[in-house]
């Protein structure tokens, strides 16, 4: 059975490493959401490759660049919680720096998701 994975911090070193793993085991891992800080171009490229329609960007002034039909775009700190709730993943990889990761981690725990904190 495929694990549905949400990667918070997908454009950083840990997030990109997780995506390398996802490429290697597509029969066991499905990426259902991606979140990044400011690297909108990298996030767009990842979304295209993995067919992800739930995206979150910390820099809400650049979210318009990600808008496409069928996509759900979330912004800022609240967006991190919203993407967890919307995707209902099996696993949330929290690969973002500092206290910003606390609220989405608590939301994931409340939903019964497994959480991996980097």
Protein backbone atom coordinates (compact mmCIF):
# COMPACT_ATOMS: atom_id res chain seq x y z
CA UNK A 1 0.00 0.00 0.00
CA UNK A 2 1.30 3.45 -0.94
CA UNK A 3 2.08 5.94 1.81
CA UNK A 4 0.59 9.35 1.11
CA UNK A 5 3.31 11.84 2.05
CA UNK A 6 3.21 15.60 2.60
CA UNK A 7 6.62 17.29 2.50
CA UNK A 8 6.92 20.59 4.34
CA UNK A 9 10.19 22.16 3.21
CA UNK A 10 10.36 20.35 -0.12
CA UNK A 11 12.90 22.69 -1.74
CA UNK A 12 15.48 22.42 1.04
CA UNK A 13 18.14 19.73 1.36
CA UNK A 14 16.02 17.33 3.42
CA UNK A 15 12.93 17.85 1.27
CA UNK A 16 14.82 17.27 -1.96
CA UNK A 17 16.37 14.13 -0.45
CA UNK A 18 12.88 12.88 0.39
CA UNK A 19 11.85 13.47 -3.22
CA UNK A 20 14.83 11.41 -4.40
CA UNK A 21 13.47 8.55 -2.29
CA UNK A 22 9.96 9.12 -3.72
CA UNK A 23 11.39 8.77 -7.24
CA UNK A 24 12.99 5.46 -6.29
CA UNK A 25 9.92 3.88 -4.70
CA UNK A 26 6.87 5.20 -6.57
CA UNK A 27 5.02 1.96 -5.84
CA UNK A 28 5.25 2.64 -2.08
CA UNK A 29 5.23 6.43 -1.76
CA UNK A 30 2.88 9.04 -3.21
CA UNK A 31 3.59 12.75 -2.68
CA UNK A 32 0.26 14.48 -1.99
CA UNK A 33 1.46 17.95 -1.01
CA UNK A 34 4.52 20.18 -1.06
CA UNK A 35 5.42 23.30 0.90
CA UNK A 36 8.31 25.72 0.43
CA UNK A 37 9.50 29.06 1.70
CA UNK A 38 10.35 31.30 -1.25
CA UNK A 39 11.62 29.05 -4.05
CA UNK A 40 8.51 29.21 -6.20
CA UNK A 41 10.24 27.97 -9.38
CA UNK A 42 11.62 24.89 -7.61
CA UNK A 43 8.23 24.19 -6.03
CA UNK A 44 6.54 24.46 -9.43
CA UNK A 45 9.03 22.01 -10.95
CA UNK A 46 8.47 19.52 -8.11
CA UNK A 47 4.70 19.85 -8.42
CA UNK A 48 4.85 19.08 -12.14
CA UNK A 49 7.14 16.08 -11.71
CA UNK A 50 5.11 14.45 -8.95
CA UNK A 51 1.65 15.55 -10.10
CA UNK A 52 0.97 17.42 -6.86
CA UNK A 53 -2.02 19.77 -6.71
CA UNK A 54 -1.72 20.91 -3.08
CA UNK A 55 1.03 23.51 -2.66
CA UNK A 56 1.96 25.90 0.12
CA UNK A 57 4.34 28.85 -0.09
CA UNK A 58 5.47 30.84 2.94
CA UNK A 59 5.90 33.93 0.76
CA UNK A 60 2.25 34.68 0.09
CA UNK A 61 3.12 37.53 -2.28
CA UNK A 62 4.33 34.95 -4.83
CA UNK A 63 1.46 32.45 -4.59
CA UNK A 64 -0.22 33.77 -7.75
CA UNK A 65 2.65 32.26 -9.76
CA UNK A 66 1.54 28.78 -8.67
CA UNK A 67 -2.14 29.12 -9.53
CA UNK A 68 -3.47 26.66 -12.12
CA UNK A 69 -6.84 24.98 -12.65
CA UNK A 70 -7.32 22.10 -10.22
CA UNK A 71 -4.66 23.29 -7.79
CA UNK A 72 -5.12 24.30 -4.20
CA UNK A 73 -2.65 26.95 -3.05
CA UNK A 74 -2.04 27.71 0.62
CA UNK A 75 -0.01 30.60 2.02
CA UNK A 76 1.99 31.45 5.09
CA UNK A 77 1.99 29.83 8.51
CA UNK A 78 -1.77 29.18 8.42
CA UNK A 79 -1.34 27.58 5.01
CA UNK A 80 0.92 24.92 6.52
CA UNK A 81 -1.90 23.82 8.82
CA UNK A 82 -4.44 24.03 5.99
CA UNK A 83 -2.40 21.82 3.64
CA UNK A 84 -2.09 19.16 6.36
CA UNK A 85 -5.85 19.22 6.91
CA UNK A 86 -6.66 19.23 3.19
CA UNK A 87 -4.35 16.40 2.12
CA UNK A 88 -4.88 14.11 5.14
CA UNK A 89 -1.57 12.34 4.50
CA UNK A 90 -0.33 9.15 6.10
CA UNK A 91 3.01 10.84 6.84
CA UNK A 92 4.05 14.47 7.22
CA UNK A 93 7.75 15.19 6.80
CA UNK A 94 8.45 18.43 8.67
CA UNK A 95 11.68 19.73 7.14
CA UNK A 96 11.22 23.41 7.91
CA UNK A 97 13.31 25.47 10.29
CA UNK A 98 12.24 26.60 13.72
CA UNK A 99 8.90 27.18 15.37
CA UNK A 100 7.12 27.43 11.99
CA UNK A 101 6.94 23.64 12.00
CA UNK A 102 5.11 23.37 15.33
CA UNK A 103 1.52 24.15 14.27
CA UNK A 104 1.47 21.86 11.22
CA UNK A 105 3.08 19.13 13.33
CA UNK A 106 0.34 19.44 15.95
CA UNK A 107 -2.31 19.45 13.21
CA UNK A 108 -0.84 16.25 11.76
CA UNK A 109 -0.81 14.56 15.17
CA UNK A 110 -4.44 15.61 15.76
CA UNK A 111 -5.39 13.95 12.45
CA UNK A 112 -3.57 10.75 13.39
CA UNK A 113 -0.81 11.17 10.80
CA UNK A 114 2.67 9.81 11.29
CA UNK A 115 5.16 12.67 11.64
CA UNK A 116 8.85 12.75 10.75
CA UNK A 117 10.66 15.83 12.06
CA UNK A 118 14.00 16.71 10.54
